[in-house]
């Protein structure tokens, strides 16, 4: 939820945000978080780092 809140507050020029792969500990993936999550913002042209959780 922290990344979604930041997306609404910062309103970057992006179509959305996402996590690459299927990191352990994310919703739907078993186990605790093992490493920081790199969240990316994306458009139809590019993706770039948005934040790390």
N, C-alpha and C. Protein backbone atom coordinates (compact mmCIF):
# COMPACT_ATOMS: atom_id res chain seq x y z
N UNK A 1 0.81 -1.19 0.00
CA UNK A 1 0.00 0.00 0.00
C UNK A 1 0.86 1.26 0.00
N UNK A 2 2.06 1.17 0.55
CA UNK A 2 2.94 2.33 0.61
C UNK A 2 3.26 2.85 -0.80
N UNK A 3 3.50 1.95 -1.74
CA UNK A 3 3.82 2.36 -3.11
C UNK A 3 2.61 2.99 -3.79
N UNK A 4 1.42 2.45 -3.54
CA UNK A 4 0.20 3.01 -4.14
C UNK A 4 -0.06 4.40 -3.58
N UNK A 5 0.12 4.57 -2.28
CA UNK A 5 -0.06 5.88 -1.66
C UNK A 5 0.93 6.88 -2.26
N UNK A 6 2.20 6.48 -2.43
CA UNK A 6 3.20 7.36 -3.02
C UNK A 6 2.83 7.72 -4.46
N UNK A 7 2.28 6.77 -5.21
CA UNK A 7 1.85 7.03 -6.58
C UNK A 7 0.80 8.13 -6.62
N UNK A 8 -0.20 8.05 -5.73
CA UNK A 8 -1.25 9.07 -5.70
C UNK A 8 -0.73 10.42 -5.21
N UNK A 9 0.19 10.41 -4.25
CA UNK A 9 0.72 11.67 -3.72
C UNK A 9 1.65 12.36 -4.71
N UNK A 10 2.53 11.58 -5.35
CA UNK A 10 3.54 12.16 -6.25
C UNK A 10 3.00 12.42 -7.65
N UNK A 11 2.02 11.67 -8.07
CA UNK A 11 1.42 11.76 -9.40
C UNK A 11 2.47 11.87 -10.51
N UNK A 12 3.36 10.87 -10.61
CA UNK A 12 4.37 10.91 -11.67
C UNK A 12 3.72 10.70 -13.04
N UNK A 13 4.45 11.04 -14.09
CA UNK A 13 3.97 10.81 -15.45
C UNK A 13 4.15 9.32 -15.74
N UNK A 14 3.22 8.51 -15.27
CA UNK A 14 3.32 7.05 -15.40
C UNK A 14 1.93 6.47 -15.59
N UNK A 15 1.88 5.32 -16.25
CA UNK A 15 0.61 4.61 -16.43
C UNK A 15 0.31 3.69 -15.25
N UNK A 16 1.35 3.32 -14.49
CA UNK A 16 1.15 2.44 -13.35
C UNK A 16 2.47 2.09 -12.70
N UNK A 17 2.40 1.22 -11.69
CA UNK A 17 3.59 0.74 -11.00
C UNK A 17 3.51 -0.77 -10.89
N UNK A 18 4.66 -1.41 -10.69
CA UNK A 18 4.67 -2.86 -10.55
C UNK A 18 5.99 -3.37 -10.03
N UNK A 19 5.99 -4.65 -9.65
CA UNK A 19 7.19 -5.36 -9.20
C UNK A 19 7.60 -6.33 -10.30
N UNK A 20 8.88 -6.40 -10.59
CA UNK A 20 9.36 -7.37 -11.57
C UNK A 20 9.44 -8.75 -10.93
N UNK A 21 9.10 -9.78 -11.67
CA UNK A 21 9.16 -11.14 -11.15
C UNK A 21 8.04 -11.42 -10.18
N UNK A 22 8.23 -12.42 -9.36
CA UNK A 22 7.25 -12.78 -8.33
C UNK A 22 7.99 -12.91 -7.01
N UNK A 23 8.36 -11.78 -6.38
CA UNK A 23 9.17 -11.83 -5.16
C UNK A 23 8.48 -12.58 -4.02
N UNK A 24 9.24 -13.37 -3.29
CA UNK A 24 8.73 -14.08 -2.12
C UNK A 24 8.24 -13.06 -1.11
N UNK A 25 7.07 -13.32 -0.54
CA UNK A 25 6.51 -12.46 0.48
C UNK A 25 5.52 -11.43 -0.04
N UNK A 26 5.39 -11.31 -1.37
CA UNK A 26 4.38 -10.41 -1.91
C UNK A 26 3.03 -11.11 -1.85
N UNK A 27 1.93 -10.38 -1.96
CA UNK A 27 0.61 -11.04 -1.92
C UNK A 27 0.52 -12.17 -2.95
N UNK A 28 0.12 -13.33 -2.49
CA UNK A 28 0.00 -14.50 -3.35
C UNK A 28 1.25 -15.36 -3.41
N UNK A 29 2.37 -14.87 -2.88
CA UNK A 29 3.60 -15.64 -2.86
C UNK A 29 3.91 -16.01 -1.41
N UNK A 30 4.20 -17.28 -1.16
CA UNK A 30 4.42 -17.71 0.22
C UNK A 30 5.72 -17.18 0.81
N UNK A 31 5.77 -17.17 2.13
CA UNK A 31 6.99 -16.83 2.84
C UNK A 31 7.11 -15.36 3.18
N UNK A 32 8.07 -15.05 4.05
CA UNK A 32 8.31 -13.65 4.44
C UNK A 32 9.16 -12.94 3.38
N UNK A 33 9.12 -11.62 3.40
CA UNK A 33 9.94 -10.83 2.49
C UNK A 33 11.41 -11.10 2.80
N UNK A 34 12.19 -11.47 1.78
CA UNK A 34 13.60 -11.82 1.97
C UNK A 34 14.55 -10.69 1.59
N UNK A 35 14.10 -9.76 0.78
CA UNK A 35 14.96 -8.68 0.32
C UNK A 35 14.08 -7.47 0.01
N UNK A 36 14.68 -6.29 -0.10
CA UNK A 36 13.87 -5.12 -0.48
C UNK A 36 13.21 -5.33 -1.84
N UNK A 37 12.02 -4.77 -2.00
CA UNK A 37 11.30 -4.84 -3.27
C UNK A 37 11.60 -3.58 -4.06
N UNK A 38 12.01 -3.74 -5.31
CA UNK A 38 12.20 -2.60 -6.21
C UNK A 38 10.91 -2.42 -7.00
N UNK A 39 10.25 -1.29 -6.79
CA UNK A 39 9.00 -0.97 -7.47
C UNK A 39 9.34 -0.08 -8.66
N UNK A 40 8.75 -0.39 -9.81
CA UNK A 40 9.00 0.36 -11.04
C UNK A 40 7.74 1.08 -11.48
N UNK A 41 7.91 2.28 -12.04
CA UNK A 41 6.81 2.95 -12.71
C UNK A 41 6.99 2.67 -14.20
N UNK A 42 5.89 2.70 -14.93
CA UNK A 42 6.00 2.41 -16.36
C UNK A 42 5.00 3.22 -17.17
N UNK A 43 5.37 3.40 -18.43
CA UNK A 43 4.48 3.96 -19.45
C UNK A 43 4.53 2.98 -20.62
N UNK A 44 3.89 3.30 -21.72
CA UNK A 44 3.98 2.41 -22.87
C UNK A 44 5.33 2.54 -23.58
N UNK A 45 6.17 3.48 -23.13
CA UNK A 45 7.47 3.71 -23.76
C UNK A 45 8.66 3.25 -22.92
N UNK A 46 8.52 3.28 -21.58
CA UNK A 46 9.67 2.97 -20.73
C UNK A 46 9.24 2.55 -19.34
N UNK A 47 10.19 2.00 -18.62
CA UNK A 47 10.00 1.75 -17.19
C UNK A 47 11.22 2.31 -16.47
N UNK A 48 11.01 2.71 -15.21
CA UNK A 48 12.12 3.25 -14.42
C UNK A 48 11.84 3.01 -12.94
N UNK A 49 12.90 3.05 -12.16
CA UNK A 49 12.78 2.83 -10.72
C UNK A 49 11.86 3.89 -10.12
N UNK A 50 10.94 3.46 -9.26
CA UNK A 50 10.01 4.37 -8.59
C UNK A 50 10.35 4.48 -7.11
N UNK A 51 10.51 3.32 -6.45
CA UNK A 51 10.89 3.32 -5.04
C UNK A 51 11.31 1.91 -4.63
N UNK A 52 11.93 1.80 -3.47
CA UNK A 52 12.30 0.51 -2.90
C UNK A 52 11.59 0.37 -1.57
N UNK A 53 10.98 -0.79 -1.36
CA UNK A 53 10.27 -1.06 -0.11
C UNK A 53 11.00 -2.12 0.68
